[in-house]
PDB file of N, CA and C in Angstrom:
ATOM      1  N   MET A   1      96.907 101.262  99.970  1.00  0.00           N
ATOM      2  CA  MET A   1      96.824 102.663 100.307  1.00  0.00           C
ATOM      3  C   MET A   1      96.290 102.830 101.730  1.00  0.00           C
ATOM      4  N   PRO A   2      97.004 103.578 102.567  1.00  0.00           N
ATOM      5  CA  PRO A   2      96.574 103.729 103.948  1.00  0.00           C
ATOM      6  C   PRO A   2      95.238 104.445 104.056  1.00  0.00           C
ATOM      7  N   THR A   3      94.471 104.043 105.043  1.00  0.00           N
ATOM      8  CA  THR A   3      93.190 104.607 105.356  1.00  0.00           C
ATOM      9  C   THR A   3      93.294 105.447 106.603  1.00  0.00           C
ATOM     10  N   THR A   4      92.653 106.604 106.675  1.00  0.00           N
ATOM     11  CA  THR A   4      92.688 107.436 107.867  1.00  0.00           C
ATOM     12  C   THR A   4      91.292 107.694 108.334  1.00  0.00           C
ATOM     13  N   PRO A   5      90.881 107.109 109.468  1.00  0.00           N
ATOM     14  CA  PRO A   5      89.523 107.439 109.990  1.00  0.00           C
ATOM     15  C   PRO A   5      89.503 108.843 110.551  1.00  0.00           C
ATOM     16  N   TRP A   6      88.464 109.602 110.210  1.00  0.00           N
ATOM     17  CA  TRP A   6      88.239 110.944 110.639  1.00  0.00           C
ATOM     18  C   TRP A   6      87.008 111.056 111.507  1.00  0.00           C
ATOM     19  N   LEU A   7      87.036 112.050 112.408  1.00  0.00           N
ATOM     20  CA  LEU A   7      85.904 112.355 113.275  1.00  0.00           C
ATOM     21  C   LEU A   7      85.291 113.623 112.706  1.00  0.00           C
ATOM     22  N   PHE A   8      83.968 113.593 112.482  1.00  0.00           N
ATOM     23  CA  PHE A   8      83.246 114.739 111.927  1.00  0.00           C
ATOM     24  C   PHE A   8      82.187 115.210 112.933  1.00  0.00           C
ATOM     25  N   PRO A   9      82.516 115.962 113.927  1.00  0.00           N
ATOM     26  CA  PRO A   9      81.488 116.382 114.929  1.00  0.00           C
ATOM     27  C   PRO A   9      80.536 117.383 114.296  1.00  0.00           C
ATOM     28  N   ALA A  10      79.286 117.336 114.723  1.00  0.00           N
ATOM     29  CA  ALA A  10      78.299 118.251 114.212  1.00  0.00           C
ATOM     30  C   ALA A  10      78.718 119.702 114.573  1.00  0.00           C
ATOM     31  N   GLY A  11      78.847 120.522 113.561  1.00  0.00           N
ATOM     32  CA  GLY A  11      79.182 121.917 113.751  1.00  0.00           C
ATOM     33  C   GLY A  11      80.631 122.233 114.144  1.00  0.00           C
ATOM     34  N   GLY A  12      81.481 121.144 114.098  1.00  0.00           N
ATOM     35  CA  GLY A  12      82.880 121.369 114.515  1.00  0.00           C
ATOM     36  C   GLY A  12      83.835 121.039 113.395  1.00  0.00           C
ATOM     37  N   GLU A  13      85.100 121.133 113.736  1.00  0.00           N
ATOM     38  CA  GLU A  13      86.170 120.846 112.751  1.00  0.00           C
ATOM     39  C   GLU A  13      86.426 119.319 112.683  1.00  0.00           C
ATOM     40  N   ALA A  14      86.691 118.819 111.522  1.00  0.00           N
ATOM     41  CA  ALA A  14      87.045 117.399 111.319  1.00  0.00           C
ATOM     42  C   ALA A  14      88.461 117.206 111.892  1.00  0.00           C
ATOM     43  N   SER A  15      88.655 116.048 112.519  1.00  0.00           N
ATOM     44  CA  SER A  15      89.981 115.702 113.060  1.00  0.00           C
ATOM     45  C   SER A  15      90.299 114.264 112.777  1.00  0.00           C
ATOM     46  N   LYS A  16      91.587 114.015 112.539  1.00  0.00           N
ATOM     47  CA  LYS A  16      92.069 112.666 112.266  1.00  0.00           C
ATOM     48  C   LYS A  16      92.055 111.863 113.587  1.00  0.00           C
ATOM     49  N   ILE A  17      91.512 110.645 113.574  1.00  0.00           N
ATOM     50  CA  ILE A  17      91.491 109.788 114.755  1.00  0.00           C
ATOM     51  C   ILE A  17      92.796 109.058 114.841  1.00  0.00           C
ATOM     52  N   CYS A  18      93.247 108.431 113.773  1.00  0.00           N
ATOM     53  CA  CYS A  18      94.544 107.681 113.773  1.00  0.00           C
ATOM     54  C   CYS A  18      94.859 107.318 112.312  1.00  0.00           C
ATOM     55  N   THR A  19      95.935 106.622 112.092  1.00  0.00           N
ATOM     56  CA  THR A  19      96.243 106.157 110.723  1.00  0.00           C
ATOM     57  C   THR A  19      96.205 104.652 110.712  1.00  0.00           C
ATOM     58  N   GLY A  20      96.023 104.079 109.575  1.00  0.00           N
ATOM     59  CA  GLY A  20      95.994 102.647 109.430  1.00  0.00           C
ATOM     60  C   GLY A  20      95.790 102.217 107.978  1.00  0.00           C
ATOM     61  N   ASP A  21      95.867 100.987 107.751  1.00  0.00           N
ATOM     62  CA  ASP A  21      95.710 100.454 106.359  1.00  0.00           C
ATOM     63  C   ASP A  21      94.268 100.057 106.096  1.00  0.00           C
ATOM     64  N   TRP A  22      93.493  99.702 107.054  1.00  0.00           N
ATOM     65  CA  TRP A  22      92.061  99.509 106.945  1.00  0.00           C
ATOM     66  C   TRP A  22      91.442  99.647 108.329  1.00  0.00           C
ATOM     67  N   VAL A  23      90.118  99.929 108.317  1.00  0.00           N
ATOM     68  CA  VAL A  23      89.450 100.149 109.540  1.00  0.00           C
ATOM     69  C   VAL A  23      88.020  99.509 109.485  1.00  0.00           C
ATOM     70  N   VAL A  24      87.552  98.966 110.604  1.00  0.00           N
ATOM     71  CA  VAL A  24      86.230  98.383 110.724  1.00  0.00           C
ATOM     72  C   VAL A  24      85.635  98.894 112.032  1.00  0.00           C
ATOM     73  N   GLY A  25      84.369  99.300 112.023  1.00  0.00           N
ATOM     74  CA  GLY A  25      83.713  99.713 113.249  1.00  0.00           C
ATOM     75  C   GLY A  25      83.279  98.540 114.046  1.00  0.00           C
ATOM     76  N   HIS A  26      83.521  98.563 115.387  1.00  0.00           N
ATOM     77  CA  HIS A  26      83.061  97.505 116.263  1.00  0.00           C
ATOM     78  C   HIS A  26      81.604  97.781 116.590  1.00  0.00           C
ATOM     79  N   PRO A  27      80.703  96.833 116.242  1.00  0.00           N
ATOM     80  CA  PRO A  27      79.230  97.097 116.315  1.00  0.00           C
ATOM     81  C   PRO A  27      78.682  97.384 117.730  1.00  0.00           C
ATOM     82  N   SER A  28      79.335  96.894 118.785  1.00  0.00           N
ATOM     83  CA  SER A  28      78.753  97.027 120.127  1.00  0.00           C
ATOM     84  C   SER A  28      79.571  97.861 121.102  1.00  0.00           C
ATOM     85  N   ARG A  29      80.778  98.148 120.720  1.00  0.00           N
ATOM     86  CA  ARG A  29      81.647  98.888 121.703  1.00  0.00           C
ATOM     87  C   ARG A  29      81.883 100.340 121.395  1.00  0.00           C
ATOM     88  N   GLY A  30      81.490 100.763 120.201  1.00  0.00           N
ATOM     89  CA  GLY A  30      81.709 102.184 119.831  1.00  0.00           C
ATOM     90  C   GLY A  30      83.179 102.464 119.562  1.00  0.00           C
ATOM     91  N   THR A  31      83.926 101.458 119.117  1.00  0.00           N
ATOM     92  CA  THR A  31      85.308 101.585 118.825  1.00  0.00           C
ATOM     93  C   THR A  31      85.602 101.234 117.385  1.00  0.00           C
ATOM     94  N   LEU A  32      86.795 101.509 116.958  1.00  0.00           N
ATOM     95  CA  LEU A  32      87.281 101.118 115.638  1.00  0.00           C
ATOM     96  C   LEU A  32      88.330 100.038 115.768  1.00  0.00           C
ATOM     97  N   ILE A  33      88.398  99.102 114.866  1.00  0.00           N
ATOM     98  CA  ILE A  33      89.470  98.120 114.804  1.00  0.00           C
ATOM     99  C   ILE A  33      90.267  98.535 113.640  1.00  0.00           C
ATOM    100  N   VAL A  34      91.536  98.956 113.888  1.00  0.00           N
ATOM    101  CA  VAL A  34      92.392  99.532 112.813  1.00  0.00           C
ATOM    102  C   VAL A  34      93.586  98.623 112.621  1.00  0.00           C
ATOM    103  N   ALA A  35      93.886  98.352 111.404  1.00  0.00           N
ATOM    104  CA  ALA A  35      95.038  97.507 111.074  1.00  0.00           C
ATOM    105  C   ALA A  35      96.160  98.343 110.463  1.00  0.00           C
ATOM    106  N   ARG A  36      97.361  98.023 110.833  1.00  0.00           N
ATOM    107  CA  ARG A  36      98.533  98.693 110.298  1.00  0.00           C
ATOM    108  C   ARG A  36      99.533  97.630 109.829  1.00  0.00           C
ATOM    109  N   ASP A  37     100.133  97.873 108.679  1.00  0.00           N
ATOM    110  CA  ASP A  37     101.240  97.032 108.223  1.00  0.00           C
ATOM    111  C   ASP A  37     102.498  97.576 108.784  1.00  0.00           C
ATOM    112  N   GLU A  38     103.019  96.934 109.863  1.00  0.00           N
ATOM    113  CA  GLU A  38     104.249  97.432 110.509  1.00  0.00           C
ATOM    114  C   GLU A  38     105.333  96.378 110.380  1.00  0.00           C
ATOM    115  N   SER A  39     106.412  96.716 109.774  1.00  0.00           N
ATOM    116  CA  SER A  39     107.559  95.805 109.657  1.00  0.00           C
ATOM    117  C   SER A  39     107.116  94.474 109.048  1.00  0.00           C
ATOM    118  N   SER A  40     106.348  94.526 107.982  1.00  0.00           N
ATOM    119  CA  SER A  40     105.856  93.357 107.199  1.00  0.00           C
ATOM    120  C   SER A  40     104.953  92.456 108.070  1.00  0.00           C
ATOM    121  N   GLN A  41     104.336  92.999 109.083  1.00  0.00           N
ATOM    122  CA  GLN A  41     103.388  92.258 109.855  1.00  0.00           C
ATOM    123  C   GLN A  41     102.123  93.160 110.060  1.00  0.00           C
ATOM    124  N   ILE A  42     100.967  92.519 110.017  1.00  0.00           N
ATOM    125  CA  ILE A  42      99.730  93.247 110.251  1.00  0.00           C
ATOM    126  C   ILE A  42      99.495  93.284 111.781  1.00  0.00           C
ATOM    127  N   ARG A  43      99.328  94.450 112.332  1.00  0.00           N
ATOM    128  CA  ARG A  43      99.027  94.633 113.759  1.00  0.00           C
ATOM    129  C   ARG A  43      97.648  95.272 113.850  1.00  0.00           C
ATOM    130  N   LEU A  44      96.877  94.852 114.853  1.00  0.00           N
ATOM    131  CA  LEU A  44      95.507  95.333 115.082  1.00  0.00           C
ATOM    132  C   LEU A  44      95.482  96.210 116.319  1.00  0.00           C
ATOM    133  N   TYR A  45      94.716  97.289 116.232  1.00  0.00           N
ATOM    134  CA  TYR A  45      94.524  98.203 117.371  1.00  0.00           C
ATOM    135  C   TYR A  45      93.042  98.518 117.534  1.00  0.00           C
ATOM    136  N   GLU A  46      92.611  98.654 118.771  1.00  0.00           N
ATOM    137  CA  GLU A  46      91.258  99.127 119.059  1.00  0.00           C
ATOM    138  C   GLU A  46      91.350 100.581 119.459  1.00  0.00           C
ATOM    139  N   VAL A  47      90.579 101.439 118.815  1.00  0.00           N
ATOM    140  CA  VAL A  47      90.691 102.879 119.038  1.00  0.00           C
ATOM    141  C   VAL A  47      89.260 103.390 119.311  1.00  0.00           C
ATOM    142  N   PRO A  48      89.063 104.246 120.294  1.00  0.00           N
ATOM    143  CA  PRO A  48      87.730 104.839 120.480  1.00  0.00           C
ATOM    144  C   PRO A  48      87.294 105.604 119.232  1.00  0.00           C
ATOM    145  N   ALA A  49      86.057 105.460 118.799  1.00  0.00           N
ATOM    146  CA  ALA A  49      85.588 106.107 117.602  1.00  0.00           C
ATOM    147  C   ALA A  49      85.611 107.617 117.682  1.00  0.00           C
ATOM    148  N   THR A  50      85.658 108.165 118.910  1.00  0.00           N
ATOM    149  CA  THR A  50      85.738 109.612 119.089  1.00  0.00           C
ATOM    150  C   THR A  50      87.190 110.067 119.259  1.00  0.00           C
ATOM    151  N   GLY A  51      88.169 109.145 119.109  1.00  0.00           N
ATOM    152  CA  GLY A  51      89.542 109.488 119.281  1.00  0.00           C
ATOM    153  C   GLY A  51      89.981 109.159 120.686  1.00  0.00           C
ATOM    154  N   GLY A  52      91.288 109.116 120.904  1.00  0.00           N
ATOM    155  CA  GLY A  52      91.806 108.781 122.267  1.00  0.00           C
ATOM    156  C   GLY A  52      92.865 107.746 122.130  1.00  0.00           C
ATOM    157  N   SER A  53      93.258 107.204 123.273  1.00  0.00           N
ATOM    158  CA  SER A  53      94.343 106.233 123.274  1.00  0.00           C
ATOM    159  C   SER A  53      93.924 104.865 122.694  1.00  0.00           C
ATOM    160  N   GLU A  54      94.804 104.287 122.003  1.00  0.00           N
ATOM    161  CA  GLU A  54      94.567 102.981 121.372  1.00  0.00           C
ATOM    162  C   GLU A  54      95.102 101.827 122.151  1.00  0.00           C
ATOM    163  N   ARG A  55      94.524 100.669 121.968  1.00  0.00           N
ATOM    164  CA  ARG A  55      94.969  99.433 122.621  1.00  0.00           C
ATOM    165  C   ARG A  55      95.405  98.437 121.559  1.00  0.00           C
ATOM    166  N   MET A  56      96.623  97.955 121.644  1.00  0.00           N
ATOM    167  CA  MET A  56      97.048  96.952 120.672  1.00  0.00           C
ATOM    168  C   MET A  56      96.389  95.604 121.003  1.00  0.00           C
ATOM    169  N   ILE A  57      95.857  94.994 120.008  1.00  0.00           N
ATOM    170  CA  ILE A  57      95.199  93.695 120.158  1.00  0.00           C
ATOM    171  C   ILE A  57      96.287  92.638 120.006  1.00  0.00           C
ATOM    172  N   PRO A  58      96.468  91.767 121.025  1.00  0.00           N
ATOM    173  CA  PRO A  58      97.542  90.746 120.930  1.00  0.00           C
ATOM    174  C   PRO A  58      97.207  89.782 119.800  1.00  0.00           C
ATOM    175  N   SER A  59      98.250  89.224 119.211  1.00  0.00           N
ATOM    176  CA  SER A  59      98.055  88.210 118.208  1.00  0.00           C
ATOM    177  C   SER A  59      99.205  87.195 118.236  1.00  0.00           C
ATOM    178  N   ASP A  60      98.925  86.038 117.720  1.00  0.00           N
ATOM    179  CA  ASP A  60      99.947  84.967 117.691  1.00  0.00           C
ATOM    180  C   ASP A  60     100.965  85.237 116.587  1.00  0.00           C
ATOM    181  N   ARG A  61     102.227  85.455 116.972  1.00  0.00           N
ATOM    182  CA  ARG A  61     103.226  85.814 115.977  1.00  0.00           C
ATOM    183  C   ARG A  61     103.622  84.632 115.072  1.00  0.00           C
ATOM    184  N   SER A  62     103.308  83.366 115.525  1.00  0.00           N
ATOM    185  CA  SER A  62     103.617  82.218 114.701  1.00  0.00           C
ATOM    186  C   SER A  62     102.684  82.073 113.518  1.00  0.00           C
ATOM    187  N   SER A  63     101.524  82.697 113.573  1.00  0.00           N
ATOM    188  CA  SER A  63     100.556  82.703 112.489  1.00  0.00           C
ATOM    189  C   SER A  63     100.145  84.127 112.228  1.00  0.00           C
ATOM    190  N   PRO A  64     101.000  84.870 111.480  1.00  0.00           N
ATOM    191  CA  PRO A  64     100.717  86.312 111.264  1.00  0.00           C
ATOM    192  C   PRO A  64      99.423  86.484 110.420  1.00  0.00           C
ATOM    193  N   LEU A  65      98.873  87.646 110.617  1.00  0.00           N
ATOM    194  CA  LEU A  65      97.652  88.007 109.865  1.00  0.00           C
ATOM    195  C   LEU A  65      97.984  88.410 108.434  1.00  0.00           C
ATOM    196  N   PHE A  66      97.013  88.103 107.549  1.00  0.00           N
ATOM    197  CA  PHE A  66      97.137  88.445 106.138  1.00  0.00           C
ATOM    198  C   PHE A  66      96.016  89.392 105.802  1.00  0.00           C
ATOM    199  N   SER A  67      96.380  90.498 105.220  1.00  0.00           N
ATOM    200  CA  SER A  67      95.384  91.526 104.943  1.00  0.00           C
ATOM    201  C   SER A  67      94.872  91.435 103.517  1.00  0.00           C
ATOM    202  N   LEU A  68      94.015  90.449 103.221  1.00  0.00           N
ATOM    203  CA  LEU A  68      93.464  90.305 101.873  1.00  0.00           C
ATOM    204  C   LEU A  68      92.244  91.186 101.734  1.00  0.00           C
ATOM    205  N   PHE A  69      91.320  91.062 102.644  1.00  0.00           N
ATOM    206  CA  PHE A  69      90.113  91.917 102.635  1.00  0.00           C
ATOM    207  C   PHE A  69      89.538  91.956 104.020  1.00  0.00           C
ATOM    208  N   THR A  70      88.795  92.986 104.302  1.00  0.00           N
ATOM    209  CA  THR A  70      88.069  93.100 105.560  1.00  0.00           C
ATOM    210  C   THR A  70      86.823  93.856 105.291  1.00  0.00           C
ATOM    211  N   SER A  71      85.752  93.417 105.892  1.00  0.00           N
ATOM    212  CA  SER A  71      84.469  94.115 105.731  1.00  0.00           C
ATOM    213  C   SER A  71      83.783  94.148 107.092  1.00  0.00           C
ATOM    214  N   PRO A  72      82.791  94.977 107.281  1.00  0.00           N
ATOM    215  CA  PRO A  72      82.097  95.026 108.539  1.00  0.00           C
ATOM    216  C   PRO A  72      81.526  93.665 108.985  1.00  0.00           C
ATOM    217  N   GLY A  73      81.177  92.810 108.028  1.00  0.00           N
ATOM    218  CA  GLY A  73      80.652  91.528 108.358  1.00  0.00           C
ATOM    219  C   GLY A  73      81.646  90.558 108.993  1.00  0.00           C
ATOM    220  N   THR A  74      82.923  90.956 109.013  1.00  0.00           N
ATOM    221  CA  THR A  74      83.903  90.019 109.611  1.00  0.00           C
ATOM    222  C   THR A  74      84.024  90.198 111.117  1.00  0.00           C
ATOM    223  N   LEU A  75      83.342  91.168 111.693  1.00  0.00           N
ATOM    224  CA  LEU A  75      83.428  91.471 113.112  1.00  0.00           C
ATOM    225  C   LEU A  75      82.088  91.287 113.767  1.00  0.00           C
ATOM    226  N   ARG A  76      82.009  90.378 114.745  1.00  0.00           N
ATOM    227  CA  ARG A  76      80.766  90.161 115.493  1.00  0.00           C
ATOM    228  C   ARG A  76      80.696  91.054 116.725  1.00  0.00           C
ATOM    229  N   SER A  77      79.468  91.283 117.201  1.00  0.00           N
ATOM    230  CA  SER A  77      79.280  92.169 118.373  1.00  0.00           C
ATOM    231  C   SER A  77      79.930  91.627 119.617  1.00  0.00           C
ATOM    232  N   ASP A  78      80.228  90.317 119.686  1.00  0.00           N
ATOM    233  CA  ASP A  78      80.830  89.738 120.877  1.00  0.00           C
ATOM    234  C   ASP A  78      82.383  89.846 120.831  1.00  0.00           C
ATOM    235  N   GLY A  79      82.902  90.522 119.829  1.00  0.00           N
ATOM    236  CA  GLY A  79      84.339  90.723 119.811  1.00  0.00           C
ATOM    237  C   GLY A  79      85.120  89.622 119.104  1.00  0.00           C
ATOM    238  N   GLN A  80      84.466  88.782 118.375  1.00  0.00           N
ATOM    239  CA  GLN A  80      85.135  87.744 117.560  1.00  0.00           C
ATOM    240  C   GLN A  80      85.230  88.225 116.111  1.00  0.00           C
ATOM    241  N   MET A  81      86.432  88.091 115.545  1.00  0.00           N
ATOM    242  CA  MET A  81      86.615  88.629 114.209  1.00  0.00           C
ATOM    243  C   MET A  81      87.186  87.528 113.282  1.00  0.00           C
ATOM    244  N   LEU A  82      86.630  87.468 112.075  1.00  0.00           N
ATOM    245  CA  LEU A  82      87.137  86.547 111.078  1.00  0.00           C
ATOM    246  C   LEU A  82      88.311  87.199 110.400  1.00  0.00           C
ATOM    247  N   VAL A  83      89.474  86.482 110.425  1.00  0.00           N
ATOM    248  CA  VAL A  83      90.739  87.016 109.808  1.00  0.00           C
ATOM    249  C   VAL A  83      91.277  85.960 108.962  1.00  0.00           C
ATOM    250  N   SER A  84      92.158  86.346 108.008  1.00  0.00           N
ATOM    251  CA  SER A  84      92.908  85.372 107.239  1.00  0.00           C
ATOM    252  C   SER A  84      94.354  85.403 107.694  1.00  0.00           C
ATOM    253  N   LEU A  85      94.985  84.214 107.687  1.00  0.00           N
ATOM    254  CA  LEU A  85      96.316  84.034 108.199  1.00  0.00           C
ATOM    255  C   LEU A  85      97.345  83.977 107.078  1.00  0.00           C
ATOM    256  N   ASN A  86      98.536  84.407 107.321  1.00  0.00           N
ATOM    257  CA  ASN A  86      99.662  84.250 106.397  1.00  0.00           C
ATOM    258  C   ASN A  86     100.574  83.181 106.917  1.00  0.00           C
ATOM    259  N   VAL A  87     100.159  81.936 106.689  1.00  0.00           N
ATOM    260  CA  VAL A  87     100.849  80.778 107.183  1.00  0.00           C
ATOM    261  C   VAL A  87     102.156  80.528 106.452  1.00  0.00           C
ATOM    262  N   PRO A  88     103.310  80.415 107.150  1.00  0.00           N
ATOM    263  CA  PRO A  88     104.550  80.156 106.446  1.00  0.00           C
ATOM    264  C   PRO A  88     104.503  78.831 105.684  1.00  0.00           C
ATOM    265  N   ASP A  89     105.179  78.700 104.622  1.00  0.00           N
ATOM    266  CA  ASP A  89     105.277  77.526 103.831  1.00  0.00           C
ATOM    267  C   ASP A  89     103.990  76.994 103.328  1.00  0.00           C
ATOM    268  N   SER A  90     103.050  77.895 102.944  1.00  0.00           N
ATOM    269  CA  SER A  90     101.749  77.485 102.455  1.00  0.00           C
ATOM    270  C   SER A  90     101.350  78.434 101.299  1.00  0.00           C
ATOM    271  N   TRP A  91     100.648  77.841 100.356  1.00  0.00           N
ATOM    272  CA  TRP A  91     100.109  78.633  99.248  1.00  0.00           C
ATOM    273  C   TRP A  91      98.757  79.276  99.632  1.00  0.00           C
ATOM    274  N   PHE A  92      98.197  78.777 100.744  1.00  0.00           N
ATOM    275  CA  PHE A  92      96.852  79.180 101.132  1.00  0.00           C
ATOM    276  C   PHE A  92      96.834  80.148 102.313  1.00  0.00           C
ATOM    277  N   ASN A  93      95.821  80.927 102.464  1.00  0.00           N
ATOM    278  CA  ASN A  93      95.637  81.820 103.576  1.00  0.00           C
ATOM    279  C   ASN A  93      94.366  81.394 104.322  1.00  0.00           C
ATOM    280  N   PRO A  94      94.489  80.431 105.248  1.00  0.00           N
ATOM    281  CA  PRO A  94      93.278  79.954 105.886  1.00  0.00           C
ATOM    282  C   PRO A  94      92.622  81.027 106.754  1.00  0.00           C
ATOM    283  N   LEU A  95      91.308  80.869 106.978  1.00  0.00           N
ATOM    284  CA  LEU A  95      90.555  81.733 107.842  1.00  0.00           C
ATOM    285  C   LEU A  95      90.664  81.262 109.281  1.00  0.00           C
ATOM    286  N   ALA A  96      90.575  82.209 110.177  1.00  0.00           N
ATOM    287  CA  ALA A  96      90.647  81.925 111.638  1.00  0.00           C
ATOM    288  C   ALA A  96      89.745  82.896 112.385  1.00  0.00           C
ATOM    289  N   GLN A  97      89.315  82.495 113.535  1.00  0.00           N
ATOM    290  CA  GLN A  97      88.504  83.371 114.432  1.00  0.00           C
ATOM    291  C   GLN A  97      89.447  83.951 115.445  1.00  0.00           C
ATOM    292  N   LEU A  98      89.452  85.265 115.560  1.00  0.00           N
ATOM    293  CA  LEU A  98      90.314  86.001 116.493  1.00  0.00           C
ATOM    294  C   LEU A  98      89.486  86.661 117.594  1.00  0.00           C
ATOM    295  N   ASP A  99      89.805  86.384 118.840  1.00  0.00           N
ATOM    296  CA  ASP A  99      89.167  87.049 119.943  1.00  0.00           C
ATOM    297  C   ASP A  99      89.880  88.377 120.152  1.00  0.00           C
ATOM    298  N   LEU A 100      89.188  89.507 119.953  1.00  0.00           N
ATOM    299  CA  LEU A 100      89.861  90.810 120.018  1.00  0.00           C
ATOM    300  C   LEU A 100      90.271  91.193 121.395  1.00  0.00           C
ATOM    301  N   GLN A 101      89.740  90.545 122.437  1.00  0.00           N
ATOM    302  CA  GLN A 101      90.125  90.857 123.814  1.00  0.00           C
ATOM    303  C   GLN A 101      91.437  90.121 124.157  1.00  0.00           C
ATOM    304  N   SER A 102      91.468  88.841 123.934  1.00  0.00           N
ATOM    305  CA  SER A 102      92.619  88.048 124.344  1.00  0.00           C
ATOM    306  C   SER A 102      93.651  87.811 123.214  1.00  0.00           C
ATOM    307  N   GLY A 103      93.246  88.001 121.961  1.00  0.00           N
ATOM    308  CA  GLY A 103      94.128  87.745 120.858  1.00  0.00           C
ATOM    309  C   GLY A 103      94.183  86.266 120.488  1.00  0.00           C
ATOM    310  N   GLY A 104      93.442  85.468 121.150  1.00  0.00           N
ATOM    311  CA  GLY A 104      93.508  83.994 120.875  1.00  0.00           C
ATOM    312  C   GLY A 104      92.472  83.530 119.936  1.00  0.00           C
TER     313      GLY A 104
END
């Protein structure tokens, strides 16, 4: 089920920030990491928590991301995120460390 992060300003109207399948707050940048299932691939975006333009986080297409679970504990303040991979020809979804800046 898609998740939609909303902005609730004090004394103002709530507004939708963006759409996605899950969202995690970046602990040190004041942004959200939003995942979307697009064309059978998980793509990650960094979006300002107050709304605004998003930045697609690059990823290795040969090892696509697998969206099993995500929690705030998977994202470190230095921009490293624990992700699970959807490796072709495997029964397993190994864990990997993803650099949100470079995608490596």
